[in-house]
C-alpha atoms as a PDB file:
ATOM      1  CA  MET A   1       0.000   0.000   0.000  1.00  0.00           C
ATOM      2  CA  SER A   2       1.502   3.341  -1.050  1.00  0.00           C
ATOM      3  CA  HIS A   3       1.717   6.338   1.270  1.00  0.00           C
ATOM      4  CA  LYS A   4       1.162   4.225   4.371  1.00  0.00           C
ATOM      5  CA  PHE A   5       1.943   7.174   6.599  1.00  0.00           C
ATOM      6  CA  GLN A   6      -1.261   8.870   5.449  1.00  0.00           C
ATOM      7  CA  ILE A   7      -3.372   6.414   7.386  1.00  0.00           C
ATOM      8  CA  THR A   8      -2.761   8.503  10.513  1.00  0.00           C
ATOM      9  CA  ASP A   9      -3.641  11.738   8.734  1.00  0.00           C
ATOM     10  CA  PRO A  10      -6.925  13.057  10.220  1.00  0.00           C
ATOM     11  CA  ARG A  11      -8.046  13.939   6.695  1.00  0.00           C
ATOM     12  CA  THR A  12      -7.932  10.277   5.617  1.00  0.00           C
ATOM     13  CA  ALA A  13     -11.525   9.107   5.568  1.00  0.00           C
ATOM     14  CA  ALA A  14     -11.174   5.775   3.762  1.00  0.00           C
ATOM     15  CA  VAL A  15      -8.555   3.201   2.868  1.00  0.00           C
ATOM     16  CA  VAL A  16      -9.108   0.856  -0.069  1.00  0.00           C
ATOM     17  CA  PHE A  17      -7.330  -2.507   0.056  1.00  0.00           C
ATOM     18  CA  HIS A  18      -6.942  -4.443  -3.196  1.00  0.00           C
ATOM     19  CA  ASN A  19      -7.487  -8.150  -2.671  1.00  0.00           C
ATOM     20  CA  ASN A  20      -4.678  -9.195  -5.050  1.00  0.00           C
ATOM     21  CA  CYS A  21      -1.988  -7.566  -2.915  1.00  0.00           C
ATOM     22  CA  MET A  22      -3.417  -7.874   0.567  1.00  0.00           C
ATOM     23  CA  PHE A  23      -1.856  -9.895   3.353  1.00  0.00           C
ATOM     24  CA  ARG A  24      -2.849  -9.753   6.998  1.00  0.00           C
ATOM     25  CA  LYS A  25       0.658  -9.219   8.312  1.00  0.00           C
ATOM     26  CA  GLU A  26       1.141  -6.209   6.039  1.00  0.00           C
ATOM     27  CA  MET A  27      -2.095  -4.469   7.030  1.00  0.00           C
ATOM     28  CA  PRO A  28      -2.000  -1.339   9.201  1.00  0.00           C
ATOM     29  CA  PRO A  29      -1.881  -1.995  12.948  1.00  0.00           C
ATOM     30  CA  ASP A  30      -5.287  -1.853  14.585  1.00  0.00           C
ATOM     31  CA  HIS A  31      -4.280   0.915  16.965  1.00  0.00           C
ATOM     32  CA  LEU A  32      -3.814   3.315  14.019  1.00  0.00           C
ATOM     33  CA  ARG A  33      -7.384   2.892  12.864  1.00  0.00           C
ATOM     34  CA  ARG A  34      -9.987   5.498  13.742  1.00  0.00           C
ATOM     35  CA  ARG A  35     -13.559   4.422  14.332  1.00  0.00           C
ATOM     36  CA  ASP A  36     -14.889   6.792  11.664  1.00  0.00           C
ATOM     37  CA  MET A  37     -12.605   5.423   8.946  1.00  0.00           C
ATOM     38  CA  TYR A  38     -13.709   3.121   6.161  1.00  0.00           C
ATOM     39  CA  TYR A  39     -11.659  -0.021   5.555  1.00  0.00           C
ATOM     40  CA  ILE A  40     -12.804  -1.118   2.099  1.00  0.00           C
ATOM     41  CA  TRP A  41     -12.140  -4.504   0.527  1.00  0.00           C
ATOM     42  CA  PHE A  42     -11.721  -4.044  -3.237  1.00  0.00           C
ATOM     43  CA  ASN A  43     -11.885  -6.965  -5.654  1.00  0.00           C
ATOM     44  CA  MET A  44     -12.728  -7.368  -9.354  1.00  0.00           C
ATOM     45  CA  GLU A  45     -12.069 -11.097  -9.844  1.00  0.00           C
ATOM     46  CA  SER A  46     -14.653 -13.850  -9.534  1.00  0.00           C
ATOM     47  CA  PRO A  47     -14.597 -16.322  -6.616  1.00  0.00           C
ATOM     48  CA  LEU A  48     -13.799 -19.093  -9.091  1.00  0.00           C
ATOM     49  CA  SER A  49     -10.641 -17.429 -10.385  1.00  0.00           C
ATOM     50  CA  GLN A  50      -9.505 -16.737  -6.818  1.00  0.00           C
ATOM     51  CA  SER A  51     -10.136 -20.135  -5.308  1.00  0.00           C
ATOM     52  CA  MET A  52      -6.423 -20.473  -4.529  1.00  0.00           C
ATOM     53  CA  VAL A  53      -6.418 -17.360  -2.313  1.00  0.00           C
ATOM     54  CA  LYS A  54      -9.638 -18.160  -0.470  1.00  0.00           C
ATOM     55  CA  LYS A  55      -7.700 -19.045   2.654  1.00  0.00           C
ATOM     56  CA  PHE A  56      -6.308 -15.511   2.884  1.00  0.00           C
ATOM     57  CA  LEU A  57      -9.773 -14.099   3.482  1.00  0.00           C
ATOM     58  CA  THR A  58     -10.126 -16.231   6.586  1.00  0.00           C
ATOM     59  CA  ASP A  59      -7.132 -14.365   8.024  1.00  0.00           C
ATOM     60  CA  PHE A  60      -9.373 -11.347   8.377  1.00  0.00           C
ATOM     61  CA  LYS A  61     -11.670 -12.152  11.236  1.00  0.00           C
ATOM     62  CA  LYS A  62     -15.188 -10.846  11.322  1.00  0.00           C
ATOM     63  CA  ASN A  63     -15.736  -7.108  11.473  1.00  0.00           C
ATOM     64  CA  TYR A  64     -12.294  -6.213  10.094  1.00  0.00           C
ATOM     65  CA  PHE A  65     -13.705  -4.521   6.979  1.00  0.00           C
ATOM     66  CA  ASN A  66     -16.688  -2.216   7.154  1.00  0.00           C
ATOM     67  CA  ALA A  67     -17.294  -1.855   3.426  1.00  0.00           C
ATOM     68  CA  THR A  68     -16.809  -3.683   0.127  1.00  0.00           C
ATOM     69  CA  MET A  69     -16.187  -2.433  -3.407  1.00  0.00           C
ATOM     70  CA  THR A  70     -16.674  -5.111  -6.067  1.00  0.00           C
ATOM     71  CA  TYR A  71     -18.595  -5.829  -9.279  1.00  0.00           C
ATOM     72  CA  ARG A  72     -21.383  -7.436  -7.255  1.00  0.00           C
ATOM     73  CA  ARG A  73     -24.483  -5.280  -6.970  1.00  0.00           C
ATOM     74  CA  ASP A  74     -24.866  -6.064  -3.267  1.00  0.00           C
ATOM     75  CA  SER A  75     -21.489  -4.477  -2.484  1.00  0.00           C
ATOM     76  CA  THR A  76     -21.344  -1.408  -0.295  1.00  0.00           C
ATOM     77  CA  PHE A  77     -19.875   0.471  -3.240  1.00  0.00           C
ATOM     78  CA  TYR A  78     -20.877  -1.179  -6.502  1.00  0.00           C
ATOM     79  CA  GLN A  79     -18.000  -1.076  -9.021  1.00  0.00           C
ATOM     80  CA  PRO A  80     -18.855  -2.933 -12.241  1.00  0.00           C
ATOM     81  CA  TYR A  81     -16.340  -3.398 -15.043  1.00  0.00           C
ATOM     82  CA  GLY A  82     -18.311  -1.081 -17.240  1.00  0.00           C
ATOM     83  CA  PRO A  83     -20.706   1.073 -15.208  1.00  0.00           C
ATOM     84  CA  SER A  84     -24.012   0.710 -17.010  1.00  0.00           C
ATOM     85  CA  ASP A  85     -24.960   4.372 -16.756  1.00  0.00           C
ATOM     86  CA  LEU A  86     -21.679   5.483 -18.306  1.00  0.00           C
ATOM     87  CA  VAL A  87     -21.696   2.878 -21.049  1.00  0.00           C
ATOM     88  CA  ILE A  88     -25.273   3.517 -22.059  1.00  0.00           C
ATOM     89  CA  SER A  89     -24.890   7.302 -22.043  1.00  0.00           C
ATOM     90  CA  LYS A  90     -21.614   7.350 -23.981  1.00  0.00           C
ATOM     91  CA  VAL A  91     -22.078   4.687 -26.609  1.00  0.00           C
ATOM     92  CA  ASN A  92     -22.512   5.796 -30.170  1.00  0.00           C
ATOM     93  CA  ALA A  93     -26.064   5.715 -31.452  1.00  0.00           C
ATOM     94  CA  PHE A  94     -24.636   5.158 -34.913  1.00  0.00           C
ATOM     95  CA  VAL A  95     -23.963   1.542 -35.852  1.00  0.00           C
ATOM     96  CA  PRO A  96     -21.201   1.268 -38.460  1.00  0.00           C
ATOM     97  CA  LYS A  97     -21.680  -0.874 -41.521  1.00  0.00           C
ATOM     98  CA  LYS A  98     -20.513  -4.354 -40.705  1.00  0.00           C
ATOM     99  CA  LYS A  99     -17.817  -6.080 -42.715  1.00  0.00           C
ATOM    100  CA  ARG A 100     -17.433  -9.320 -40.760  1.00  0.00           C
ATOM    101  CA  LEU A 101     -19.609 -11.752 -38.822  1.00  0.00           C
ATOM    102  CA  GLY A 102     -18.137 -12.579 -35.406  1.00  0.00           C
ATOM    103  CA  ILE A 103     -14.988 -12.243 -33.319  1.00  0.00           C
ATOM    104  CA  TRP A 104     -13.627 -13.707 -30.099  1.00  0.00           C
ATOM    105  CA  ILE A 105     -10.452 -12.599 -28.305  1.00  0.00           C
ATOM    106  CA  VAL A 106      -9.368 -15.003 -25.566  1.00  0.00           C
ATOM    107  CA  SER A 107      -6.113 -15.911 -23.841  1.00  0.00           C
ATOM    108  CA  ASN A 108      -7.288 -18.082 -20.940  1.00  0.00           C
ATOM    109  CA  CYS A 109      -7.891 -21.546 -22.324  1.00  0.00           C
ATOM    110  CA  HIS A 110      -7.770 -23.908 -19.353  1.00  0.00           C
ATOM    111  CA  SER A 111      -6.836 -22.268 -16.034  1.00  0.00           C
ATOM    112  CA  GLN A 112     -10.368 -22.770 -14.587  1.00  0.00           C
ATOM    113  CA  PHE A 113     -13.201 -25.137 -15.426  1.00  0.00           C
ATOM    114  CA  GLY A 114     -15.134 -22.107 -16.645  1.00  0.00           C
ATOM    115  CA  ALA A 115     -12.455 -21.371 -19.230  1.00  0.00           C
ATOM    116  CA  VAL A 116     -12.413 -25.013 -20.282  1.00  0.00           C
ATOM    117  CA  ASN A 117     -16.190 -25.202 -20.646  1.00  0.00           C
ATOM    118  CA  ARG A 118     -16.527 -21.994 -22.637  1.00  0.00           C
ATOM    119  CA  MET A 119     -13.889 -23.231 -25.086  1.00  0.00           C
ATOM    120  CA  LYS A 120     -15.727 -26.534 -25.381  1.00  0.00           C
ATOM    121  CA  TYR A 121     -18.967 -24.727 -26.177  1.00  0.00           C
ATOM    122  CA  PHE A 122     -17.262 -22.450 -28.683  1.00  0.00           C
ATOM    123  CA  LYS A 123     -15.793 -25.424 -30.550  1.00  0.00           C
ATOM    124  CA  GLU A 124     -19.306 -26.835 -30.830  1.00  0.00           C
ATOM    125  CA  LEU A 125     -20.333 -23.584 -32.529  1.00  0.00           C
ATOM    126  CA  LEU A 126     -17.500 -23.937 -35.010  1.00  0.00           C
ATOM    127  CA  LYS A 127     -18.501 -27.532 -35.759  1.00  0.00           C
ATOM    128  CA  SER A 128     -21.884 -26.171 -36.804  1.00  0.00           C
ATOM    129  CA  GLY A 129     -20.182 -24.250 -39.570  1.00  0.00           C
ATOM    130  CA  LEU A 130     -20.135 -20.809 -37.962  1.00  0.00           C
ATOM    131  CA  LYS A 131     -17.317 -18.605 -39.220  1.00  0.00           C
ATOM    132  CA  VAL A 132     -15.652 -16.635 -36.405  1.00  0.00           C
ATOM    133  CA  ASP A 133     -12.393 -14.687 -36.378  1.00  0.00           C
ATOM    134  CA  THR A 134     -10.387 -15.726 -33.323  1.00  0.00           C
ATOM    135  CA  TYR A 135      -7.535 -13.905 -31.568  1.00  0.00           C
ATOM    136  CA  GLY A 136      -5.529 -14.164 -28.369  1.00  0.00           C
ATOM    137  CA  ARG A 137      -3.034 -16.612 -26.897  1.00  0.00           C
ATOM    138  CA  CYS A 138      -5.515 -19.469 -27.194  1.00  0.00           C
ATOM    139  CA  PHE A 139      -5.391 -19.110 -30.976  1.00  0.00           C
ATOM    140  CA  LYS A 140      -1.834 -17.745 -31.299  1.00  0.00           C
ATOM    141  CA  LYS A 141      -3.055 -14.742 -33.228  1.00  0.00           C
ATOM    142  CA  PHE A 142      -3.086 -11.231 -31.860  1.00  0.00           C
ATOM    143  CA  VAL A 143      -4.774  -7.905 -32.497  1.00  0.00           C
ATOM    144  CA  ASN A 144      -1.986  -5.342 -32.915  1.00  0.00           C
ATOM    145  CA  LEU A 145      -4.058  -2.522 -31.452  1.00  0.00           C
ATOM    146  CA  GLN A 146      -3.957  -1.109 -27.945  1.00  0.00           C
ATOM    147  CA  ARG A 147      -6.910  -2.089 -25.787  1.00  0.00           C
ATOM    148  CA  GLY A 148      -9.146   0.782 -24.817  1.00  0.00           C
ATOM    149  CA  LYS A 149      -8.153   2.999 -27.745  1.00  0.00           C
ATOM    150  CA  LYS A 150     -10.555   4.200 -30.441  1.00  0.00           C
ATOM    151  CA  GLU A 151      -8.784   2.178 -33.105  1.00  0.00           C
ATOM    152  CA  PHE A 152      -9.390  -0.992 -31.118  1.00  0.00           C
ATOM    153  CA  PHE A 153     -13.091  -0.277 -30.715  1.00  0.00           C
ATOM    154  CA  ARG A 154     -13.409   0.607 -34.403  1.00  0.00           C
ATOM    155  CA  PHE A 155     -11.794  -2.722 -35.246  1.00  0.00           C
ATOM    156  CA  LEU A 156     -14.359  -4.580 -33.143  1.00  0.00           C
ATOM    157  CA  GLY A 157     -17.146  -2.451 -34.617  1.00  0.00           C
ATOM    158  CA  ASP A 158     -16.527  -4.003 -38.017  1.00  0.00           C
ATOM    159  CA  TYR A 159     -18.094  -7.181 -36.648  1.00  0.00           C
ATOM    160  CA  LYS A 160     -21.752  -7.969 -36.126  1.00  0.00           C
ATOM    161  CA  PHE A 161     -21.175 -10.089 -33.035  1.00  0.00           C
ATOM    162  CA  TYR A 162     -18.673 -10.296 -30.192  1.00  0.00           C
ATOM    163  CA  PHE A 163     -18.436 -13.503 -28.182  1.00  0.00           C
ATOM    164  CA  ALA A 164     -18.504 -12.200 -24.608  1.00  0.00           C
ATOM    165  CA  PHE A 165     -17.582 -15.512 -22.991  1.00  0.00           C
ATOM    166  CA  GLU A 166     -16.432 -15.150 -19.357  1.00  0.00           C
ATOM    167  CA  ASN A 167     -13.954 -17.468 -17.643  1.00  0.00           C
ATOM    168  CA  SER A 168     -16.420 -18.140 -14.814  1.00  0.00           C
ATOM    169  CA  PHE A 169     -19.854 -19.734 -14.827  1.00  0.00           C
ATOM    170  CA  HIS A 170     -22.877 -18.269 -12.997  1.00  0.00           C
ATOM    171  CA  CYS A 171     -20.753 -16.139 -10.687  1.00  0.00           C
ATOM    172  CA  ARG A 172     -23.029 -13.420  -9.334  1.00  0.00           C
ATOM    173  CA  ASP A 173     -22.874 -10.233 -11.451  1.00  0.00           C
ATOM    174  CA  TYR A 174     -19.505 -11.186 -12.964  1.00  0.00           C
ATOM    175  CA  ILE A 175     -19.820  -9.321 -16.271  1.00  0.00           C
ATOM    176  CA  THR A 176     -16.593  -7.824 -17.567  1.00  0.00           C
ATOM    177  CA  GLU A 177     -15.485  -5.447 -20.302  1.00  0.00           C
ATOM    178  CA  LYS A 178     -16.107  -8.264 -22.780  1.00  0.00           C
ATOM    179  CA  PHE A 179     -19.781  -7.379 -22.605  1.00  0.00           C
ATOM    180  CA  THR A 180     -19.807  -3.647 -21.952  1.00  0.00           C
ATOM    181  CA  GLN A 181     -16.823  -2.384 -23.949  1.00  0.00           C
ATOM    182  CA  HIS A 182     -16.097  -5.045 -26.569  1.00  0.00           C
ATOM    183  CA  GLY A 183     -19.814  -5.518 -27.079  1.00  0.00           C
ATOM    184  CA  LEU A 184     -22.138  -2.577 -26.430  1.00  0.00           C
ATOM    185  CA  TYR A 185     -19.574   0.214 -26.644  1.00  0.00           C
ATOM    186  CA  SER A 186     -17.991  -1.087 -29.849  1.00  0.00           C
ATOM    187  CA  GLY A 187     -21.298  -1.404 -31.660  1.00  0.00           C
ATOM    188  CA  THR A 188     -21.480  -5.199 -31.766  1.00  0.00           C
ATOM    189  CA  ILE A 189     -24.080  -7.552 -30.346  1.00  0.00           C
ATOM    190  CA  PRO A 190     -22.599  -9.436 -27.373  1.00  0.00           C
ATOM    191  CA  ILE A 191     -23.167 -13.187 -27.329  1.00  0.00           C
ATOM    192  CA  VAL A 192     -22.992 -14.058 -23.640  1.00  0.00           C
ATOM    193  CA  TRP A 193     -21.726 -17.188 -21.921  1.00  0.00           C
ATOM    194  CA  GLY A 194     -20.993 -17.320 -18.196  1.00  0.00           C
ATOM    195  CA  PRO A 195     -23.208 -14.980 -16.162  1.00  0.00           C
ATOM    196  CA  LYS A 196     -26.849 -15.745 -15.583  1.00  0.00           C
ATOM    197  CA  LYS A 197     -29.177 -14.031 -18.014  1.00  0.00           C
ATOM    198  CA  SER A 198     -30.977 -12.284 -15.152  1.00  0.00           C
ATOM    199  CA  ASP A 199     -27.704 -10.680 -14.020  1.00  0.00           C
ATOM    200  CA  VAL A 200     -27.035  -9.378 -17.529  1.00  0.00           C
ATOM    201  CA  GLU A 201     -30.569  -8.067 -17.899  1.00  0.00           C
ATOM    202  CA  ALA A 202     -30.126  -6.080 -14.694  1.00  0.00           C
ATOM    203  CA  ILE A 203     -27.456  -3.845 -16.277  1.00  0.00           C
ATOM    204  CA  ALA A 204     -28.012  -4.136 -20.038  1.00  0.00           C
ATOM    205  CA  PRO A 205     -30.307  -2.163 -22.340  1.00  0.00           C
ATOM    206  CA  PRO A 206     -33.361  -4.193 -23.401  1.00  0.00           C
ATOM    207  CA  HIS A 207     -32.877  -6.582 -26.324  1.00  0.00           C
ATOM    208  CA  SER A 208     -29.194  -5.707 -26.682  1.00  0.00           C
ATOM    209  CA  PHE A 209     -27.540  -9.126 -26.303  1.00  0.00           C
ATOM    210  CA  ILE A 210     -27.900 -12.839 -27.049  1.00  0.00           C
ATOM    211  CA  HIS A 211     -27.559 -15.371 -24.225  1.00  0.00           C
ATOM    212  CA  VAL A 212     -26.436 -18.889 -25.066  1.00  0.00           C
ATOM    213  CA  GLU A 213     -28.767 -20.424 -22.467  1.00  0.00           C
ATOM    214  CA  ASP A 214     -31.764 -19.371 -24.538  1.00  0.00           C
ATOM    215  CA  PHE A 215     -30.834 -22.097 -27.028  1.00  0.00           C
ATOM    216  CA  LYS A 216     -31.070 -25.848 -26.627  1.00  0.00           C
ATOM    217  CA  SER A 217     -27.739 -26.462 -28.316  1.00  0.00           C
ATOM    218  CA  ALA A 218     -24.741 -24.719 -29.841  1.00  0.00           C
ATOM    219  CA  LYS A 219     -26.080 -25.700 -33.247  1.00  0.00           C
ATOM    220  CA  ASP A 220     -29.358 -23.874 -32.559  1.00  0.00           C
ATOM    221  CA  LEU A 221     -27.417 -20.763 -31.562  1.00  0.00           C
ATOM    222  CA  ALA A 222     -25.259 -21.008 -34.697  1.00  0.00           C
ATOM    223  CA  ASN A 223     -28.382 -21.237 -36.824  1.00  0.00           C
ATOM    224  CA  TYR A 224     -29.847 -18.156 -35.147  1.00  0.00           C
ATOM    225  CA  ILE A 225     -26.649 -16.166 -35.698  1.00  0.00           C
ATOM    226  CA  SER A 226     -26.730 -17.171 -39.369  1.00  0.00           C
ATOM    227  CA  TYR A 227     -30.353 -16.056 -39.549  1.00  0.00           C
ATOM    228  CA  LEU A 228     -29.522 -12.623 -38.127  1.00  0.00           C
ATOM    229  CA  ASP A 229     -26.598 -12.337 -40.518  1.00  0.00           C
ATOM    230  CA  LYS A 230     -28.948 -12.753 -43.479  1.00  0.00           C
ATOM    231  CA  ASN A 231     -31.834 -10.695 -42.054  1.00  0.00           C
ATOM    232  CA  ASN A 232     -30.658  -7.142 -41.453  1.00  0.00           C
ATOM    233  CA  THR A 233     -34.040  -6.004 -40.108  1.00  0.00           C
ATOM    234  CA  ALA A 234     -33.961  -8.645 -37.370  1.00  0.00           C
ATOM    235  CA  TYR A 235     -30.289  -7.896 -36.694  1.00  0.00           C
ATOM    236  CA  MET A 236     -30.866  -4.156 -36.262  1.00  0.00           C
ATOM    237  CA  GLU A 237     -33.582  -4.798 -33.695  1.00  0.00           C
ATOM    238  CA  TYR A 238     -30.753  -5.583 -31.292  1.00  0.00           C
ATOM    239  CA  HIS A 239     -29.485  -2.015 -31.815  1.00  0.00           C
ATOM    240  CA  GLU A 240     -32.859  -0.332 -31.451  1.00  0.00           C
ATOM    241  CA  TRP A 241     -32.058   0.732 -27.875  1.00  0.00           C
ATOM    242  CA  ARG A 242     -29.341   3.051 -29.202  1.00  0.00           C
ATOM    243  CA  LYS A 243     -32.021   5.352 -30.578  1.00  0.00           C
ATOM    244  CA  HIS A 244     -33.211   6.038 -27.045  1.00  0.00           C
ATOM    245  CA  LEU A 245     -29.970   6.890 -25.286  1.00  0.00           C
ATOM    246  CA  PRO A 246     -30.387   9.062 -22.182  1.00  0.00           C
ATOM    247  CA  ARG A 247     -29.396  12.681 -22.442  1.00  0.00           C
ATOM    248  CA  PRO A 248     -26.120  13.194 -20.543  1.00  0.00           C
ATOM    249  CA  ASP A 249     -26.251  15.284 -17.368  1.00  0.00           C
ATOM    250  CA  PRO A 250     -23.152  17.555 -17.186  1.00  0.00           C
ATOM    251  CA  TYR A 251     -23.232  17.458 -13.389  1.00  0.00           C
ATOM    252  CA  SER A 252     -23.834  13.788 -12.887  1.00  0.00           C
ATOM    253  CA  GLN A 253     -21.192  11.198 -12.271  1.00  0.00           C
ATOM    254  CA  SER A 254     -21.368   7.472 -12.121  1.00  0.00           C
ATOM    255  CA  SER A 255     -23.335   6.297  -9.105  1.00  0.00           C
ATOM    256  CA  THR A 256     -20.831   3.496  -8.703  1.00  0.00           C
ATOM    257  CA  GLY A 257     -17.493   2.820  -7.081  1.00  0.00           C
ATOM    258  CA  ARG A 258     -15.252   5.683  -6.102  1.00  0.00           C
ATOM    259  CA  CYS A 259     -17.801   8.339  -7.035  1.00  0.00           C
ATOM    260  CA  ARG A 260     -20.331   6.843  -4.661  1.00  0.00           C
ATOM    261  CA  LEU A 261     -17.663   6.550  -1.980  1.00  0.00           C
ATOM    262  CA  CYS A 262     -16.842  10.235  -2.423  1.00  0.00           C
ATOM    263  CA  ARG A 263     -20.508  11.155  -2.088  1.00  0.00           C
ATOM    264  CA  THR A 264     -20.839   9.058   1.034  1.00  0.00           C
ATOM    265  CA  LEU A 265     -17.834  10.712   2.652  1.00  0.00           C
ATOM    266  CA  HIS A 266     -19.314  14.121   1.884  1.00  0.00           C
ATOM    267  CA  GLY A 267     -22.679  13.180   3.336  1.00  0.00           C
ATOM    268  CA  ILE A 268     -24.532  13.282   0.031  1.00  0.00           C
ATOM    269  CA  GLU A 269     -27.427  10.904  -0.367  1.00  0.00           C
ATOM    270  CA  GLU A 270     -28.117   9.893  -3.972  1.00  0.00           C
ATOM    271  CA  LYS A 271     -31.869   9.933  -3.360  1.00  0.00           C
ATOM    272  CA  GLY A 272     -31.828  12.771  -0.878  1.00  0.00           C
ATOM    273  CA  LYS A 273     -32.913  16.383  -1.206  1.00  0.00           C
ATOM    274  CA  THR A 274     -29.544  17.682  -2.346  1.00  0.00           C
ATOM    275  CA  GLN A 275     -29.385  17.814  -6.128  1.00  0.00           C
ATOM    276  CA  MET A 276     -26.072  16.824  -7.668  1.00  0.00           C
ATOM    277  CA  SER A 277     -25.900  20.028  -9.705  1.00  0.00           C
ATOM    278  CA  GLU A 278     -26.249  22.096  -6.531  1.00  0.00           C
ATOM    279  CA  TYR A 279     -23.572  20.046  -4.846  1.00  0.00           C
ATOM    280  CA  TYR A 280     -21.000  20.460  -7.617  1.00  0.00           C
ATOM    281  CA  LEU A 281     -21.562  24.214  -7.767  1.00  0.00           C
ATOM    282  CA  ARG A 282     -21.126  24.416  -4.016  1.00  0.00           C
ATOM    283  CA  TYR A 283     -18.034  22.219  -4.179  1.00  0.00           C
ATOM    284  CA  LEU A 284     -16.402  24.296  -6.933  1.00  0.00           C
ATOM    285  CA  ASN A 285     -16.983  27.525  -5.033  1.00  0.00           C
ATOM    286  CA  HIS A 286     -15.059  26.357  -2.006  1.00  0.00           C
ATOM    287  CA  SER A 287     -11.618  25.012  -1.391  1.00  0.00           C
ATOM    288  CA  ARG A 288     -11.297  21.332  -0.632  1.00  0.00           C
ATOM    289  CA  ARG A 289     -10.548  22.144   3.020  1.00  0.00           C
ATOM    290  CA  LYS A 290     -13.790  24.082   3.462  1.00  0.00           C
ATOM    291  CA  VAL A 291     -16.044  21.333   2.146  1.00  0.00           C
ATOM    292  CA  LYS A 292     -17.706  19.785   5.146  1.00  0.00           C
ATOM    293  CA  VAL A 293     -17.231  16.054   5.328  1.00  0.00           C
ATOM    294  CA  ARG A 294     -20.103  14.386   7.150  1.00  0.00           C
ATOM    295  CA  ARG A 295     -19.602  10.716   7.802  1.00  0.00           C
ATOM    296  CA  SER A 296     -22.375   8.535   9.085  1.00  0.00           C
ATOM    297  CA  LEU A 297     -21.445   4.874   9.058  1.00  0.00           C
ATOM    298  CA  LYS A 298     -21.862   1.868  11.222  1.00  0.00           C
ATOM    299  CA  HIS A 299     -18.437   0.747  12.315  1.00  0.00           C
ATOM    300  CA  ARG A 300     -17.330  -2.636  11.040  1.00  0.00           C
ATOM    301  CA  VAL A 301     -20.438  -4.048   9.421  1.00  0.00           C
ATOM    302  CA  ILE A 302     -18.886  -6.894   7.370  1.00  0.00           C
ATOM    303  CA  GLU A 303     -19.100  -9.726   9.879  1.00  0.00           C
ATOM    304  CA  SER A 304     -17.426 -12.285   7.647  1.00  0.00           C
ATOM    305  CA  LEU A 305     -15.810 -11.310   4.363  1.00  0.00           C
ATOM    306  CA  ASN A 306     -15.147 -14.934   3.507  1.00  0.00           C
ATOM    307  CA  GLY A 307     -18.742 -15.887   4.291  1.00  0.00           C
ATOM    308  CA  TRP A 308     -20.170 -13.077   2.186  1.00  0.00           C
ATOM    309  CA  TRP A 309     -17.938 -13.507  -0.864  1.00  0.00           C
ATOM    310  CA  TYR A 310     -17.931 -17.287  -1.089  1.00  0.00           C
ATOM    311  CA  GLY A 311     -20.935 -18.212   0.997  1.00  0.00           C
ATOM    312  CA  THR A 312     -23.524 -16.217  -0.964  1.00  0.00           C
ATOM    313  CA  ASP A 313     -22.472 -16.944  -4.541  1.00  0.00           C
ATOM    314  CA  ASN A 314     -24.060 -19.586  -6.762  1.00  0.00           C
ATOM    315  CA  ARG A 315     -22.923 -23.155  -6.236  1.00  0.00           C
ATOM    316  CA  GLU A 316     -22.116 -23.652  -9.906  1.00  0.00           C
ATOM    317  CA  CYS A 317     -19.715 -20.709  -9.692  1.00  0.00           C
ATOM    318  CA  LEU A 318     -17.643 -22.472  -7.050  1.00  0.00           C
ATOM    319  CA  PHE A 319     -17.937 -26.119  -7.984  1.00  0.00           C
ATOM    320  CA  ASN A 320     -17.673 -28.019 -11.255  1.00  0.00           C
ATOM    321  CA  ASP A 321     -20.707 -30.268 -10.792  1.00  0.00           C
END
């Protein structure tokens, strides 16, 4: 953790601990912790992919953390891979003319049973005659464009479909940039494998994706993709939601993750009487030191981090039945 000395600074209101580099013996001593300070557990990997580090969570006895920040919607501070409000408000309403059918970029072929099963399903699609361009270490072919740049998204936008196959199966709310950025943002239709359909529907625009579990077999899905490829009217129905994008609010920020944490530390309720526009004007007219920070939190409310993270997820996410 960088700037460890700042934990004793009275201005420090919260400390975020990343799960991937968190060990009990390296955590701040308990006597340095104030009762009005947030200790936040931050994690963006699924329980399946972190099964080897599960034992480390048991090192943190109950009530050590008083907040969580993860992609799960029941986190204290919800931090999805692609915040739905930002993605939906910033995607392009224009759908470029498509030059190719489908694409999949994948580099994890067998490290978890989820990765193995998604590859098995994908090979069944190929056996059905579906033509898909494949990239990544699994196929020893790479896209020579930097991820996250416009050129990369334009490259993906040449395709009608992106195979948003996760490396985990039915892990609660585990929906990564494969769906939001490579799919919706790039102008493709995401074909989803991994998360439950209900979890995707909770964050996605209506009729914006295809879920493999809606089909009895990979062959049925391949036939449907071929149908959409030949029927442009039916294909464009999956982009209809882009015509109804919300008008961006210049004062609003994502209601997720760090932005929500900041609001909480400043005593701003998202559904309260204070309008966000009024808050930002008030904030800009004062120095950071003069902004009153009002903290109202129950100290140490996460009784068991291990029990919450692993004990409340779907069984099929944790076990290969």
